Amino acid sequence: MCRSIKTLRPPALAEEATEDEMRAAALQYVRKVSGFRAPAAHNQEAFDRAVDAVAGATAELLGALEVRGQAARRAGQAV
């Protein structure tokens, strides 16, 4: 696994992951899987689509995860 991809869910990340953080993780993942740091022009579109898809899946995953204690902490912060 890419060691440069950091955990984006609480409690490892104190606040909600930003779009930039999710995109950076997606880019690292696609680079690792494809073996390209910077794809050739004829592969750029496929590379970019893959980064977009992985970033979208990451946002969906993080939005759906329930982390123990997070709901209680958020409720306490809203008061």
C-alpha atoms as a PDB file:
ATOM      1  CA  MET A   1       0.000   0.000   0.000  1.00  0.00           C
ATOM      2  CA  CYS A   2       1.095   3.569  -0.584  1.00  0.00           C
ATOM      3  CA  ARG A   3       2.642   4.796   2.620  1.00  0.00           C
ATOM      4  CA  SER A   4       2.122   8.400   1.563  1.00  0.00           C
ATOM      5  CA  ILE A   5      -1.663   7.997   1.679  1.00  0.00           C
ATOM      6  CA  LYS A   6      -2.791   9.094   5.127  1.00  0.00           C
ATOM      7  CA  THR A   7      -5.895   7.981   6.993  1.00  0.00           C
ATOM      8  CA  LEU A   8      -8.693  10.459   6.315  1.00  0.00           C
ATOM      9  CA  ARG A   9     -11.269   9.421   8.899  1.00  0.00           C
ATOM     10  CA  PRO A  10     -11.520  10.445  12.530  1.00  0.00           C
ATOM     11  CA  PRO A  11      -9.901   9.995  14.973  1.00  0.00           C
ATOM     12  CA  ALA A  12      -6.738   9.826  12.832  1.00  0.00           C
ATOM     13  CA  LEU A  13      -7.807  13.111  11.245  1.00  0.00           C
ATOM     14  CA  ALA A  14      -9.189  15.577  13.791  1.00  0.00           C
ATOM     15  CA  GLU A  15     -11.505  17.329  11.346  1.00  0.00           C
ATOM     16  CA  GLU A  16     -13.464  16.190   8.317  1.00  0.00           C
ATOM     17  CA  ALA A  17     -11.256  15.421   5.319  1.00  0.00           C
ATOM     18  CA  THR A  18     -11.168  18.170   2.721  1.00  0.00           C
ATOM     19  CA  GLU A  19     -11.763  17.683  -0.983  1.00  0.00           C
ATOM     20  CA  ASP A  20      -8.073  18.458  -1.578  1.00  0.00           C
ATOM     21  CA  GLU A  21      -6.988  15.744   0.887  1.00  0.00           C
ATOM     22  CA  MET A  22      -9.285  13.187  -0.740  1.00  0.00           C
ATOM     23  CA  ARG A  23      -8.037  14.113  -4.212  1.00  0.00           C
ATOM     24  CA  ALA A  24      -4.390  13.879  -3.090  1.00  0.00           C
ATOM     25  CA  ALA A  25      -5.011  10.389  -1.694  1.00  0.00           C
ATOM     26  CA  ALA A  26      -6.792   9.388  -4.911  1.00  0.00           C
ATOM     27  CA  LEU A  27      -3.892  10.690  -6.998  1.00  0.00           C
ATOM     28  CA  GLN A  28      -1.376   8.695  -4.943  1.00  0.00           C
ATOM     29  CA  TYR A  29      -3.501   5.560  -5.309  1.00  0.00           C
ATOM     30  CA  VAL A  30      -3.852   5.926  -9.097  1.00  0.00           C
ATOM     31  CA  ARG A  31      -0.130   6.636  -9.445  1.00  0.00           C
ATOM     32  CA  LYS A  32       0.684   3.470  -7.499  1.00  0.00           C
ATOM     33  CA  VAL A  33      -1.766   1.251  -9.385  1.00  0.00           C
ATOM     34  CA  SER A  34      -0.881   2.603 -12.838  1.00  0.00           C
ATOM     35  CA  GLY A  35       2.852   2.828 -12.252  1.00  0.00           C
ATOM     36  CA  PHE A  36       2.865   6.363 -13.702  1.00  0.00           C
ATOM     37  CA  ARG A  37       3.873   9.444 -11.749  1.00  0.00           C
ATOM     38  CA  ALA A  38       2.872  11.557 -14.732  1.00  0.00           C
ATOM     39  CA  PRO A  39       1.113   9.702 -17.561  1.00  0.00           C
ATOM     40  CA  ALA A  40       1.881  10.294 -21.231  1.00  0.00           C
ATOM     41  CA  ALA A  41      -0.508  12.575 -23.096  1.00  0.00           C
ATOM     42  CA  HIS A  42      -2.365   9.631 -24.641  1.00  0.00           C
ATOM     43  CA  ASN A  43      -3.066   8.232 -21.131  1.00  0.00           C
ATOM     44  CA  GLN A  44      -3.854  11.523 -19.372  1.00  0.00           C
ATOM     45  CA  GLU A  45      -7.639  11.381 -19.832  1.00  0.00           C
ATOM     46  CA  ALA A  46      -7.914   7.837 -18.454  1.00  0.00           C
ATOM     47  CA  PHE A  47      -5.609   8.771 -15.571  1.00  0.00           C
ATOM     48  CA  ASP A  48      -7.674  11.862 -14.695  1.00  0.00           C
ATOM     49  CA  ARG A  49     -10.957   9.904 -14.876  1.00  0.00           C
ATOM     50  CA  ALA A  50      -9.518   7.317 -12.510  1.00  0.00           C
ATOM     51  CA  VAL A  51      -8.429   9.996 -10.019  1.00  0.00           C
ATOM     52  CA  ASP A  52     -11.926  11.543 -10.171  1.00  0.00           C
ATOM     53  CA  ALA A  53     -13.588   8.148  -9.646  1.00  0.00           C
ATOM     54  CA  VAL A  54     -11.358   7.228  -6.697  1.00  0.00           C
ATOM     55  CA  ALA A  55     -11.828  10.664  -5.098  1.00  0.00           C
ATOM     56  CA  GLY A  56     -15.607  10.301  -5.483  1.00  0.00           C
ATOM     57  CA  ALA A  57     -15.566   6.811  -3.977  1.00  0.00           C
ATOM     58  CA  THR A  58     -13.430   8.121  -1.109  1.00  0.00           C
ATOM     59  CA  ALA A  59     -15.898  10.919  -0.362  1.00  0.00           C
ATOM     60  CA  GLU A  60     -18.792   8.455  -0.481  1.00  0.00           C
ATOM     61  CA  LEU A  61     -16.997   6.036   1.833  1.00  0.00           C
ATOM     62  CA  LEU A  62     -16.013   8.684   4.376  1.00  0.00           C
ATOM     63  CA  GLY A  63     -19.537  10.103   4.326  1.00  0.00           C
ATOM     64  CA  ALA A  64     -21.043   6.704   5.072  1.00  0.00           C
ATOM     65  CA  LEU A  65     -18.648   5.525   7.791  1.00  0.00           C
ATOM     66  CA  GLU A  66     -19.830   5.597  11.380  1.00  0.00           C
ATOM     67  CA  VAL A  67     -16.966   6.023  13.802  1.00  0.00           C
ATOM     68  CA  ARG A  68     -17.658   5.006  17.400  1.00  0.00           C
ATOM     69  CA  GLY A  69     -18.112   8.019  19.626  1.00  0.00           C
ATOM     70  CA  GLN A  70     -18.166  10.533  16.763  1.00  0.00           C
ATOM     71  CA  ALA A  71     -21.955  11.036  16.799  1.00  0.00           C
ATOM     72  CA  ALA A  72     -21.893  11.674  20.546  1.00  0.00           C
ATOM     73  CA  ARG A  73     -19.004  14.131  20.216  1.00  0.00           C
ATOM     74  CA  ARG A  74     -20.671  15.995  17.357  1.00  0.00           C
ATOM     75  CA  ALA A  75     -23.941  16.230  19.333  1.00  0.00           C
ATOM     76  CA  GLY A  76     -21.990  17.629  22.303  1.00  0.00           C
ATOM     77  CA  GLN A  77     -20.302  20.239  20.100  1.00  0.00           C
ATOM     78  CA  ALA A  78     -23.621  21.429  18.677  1.00  0.00           C
ATOM     79  CA  VAL A  79     -24.931  22.307  22.154  1.00  0.00           C
END
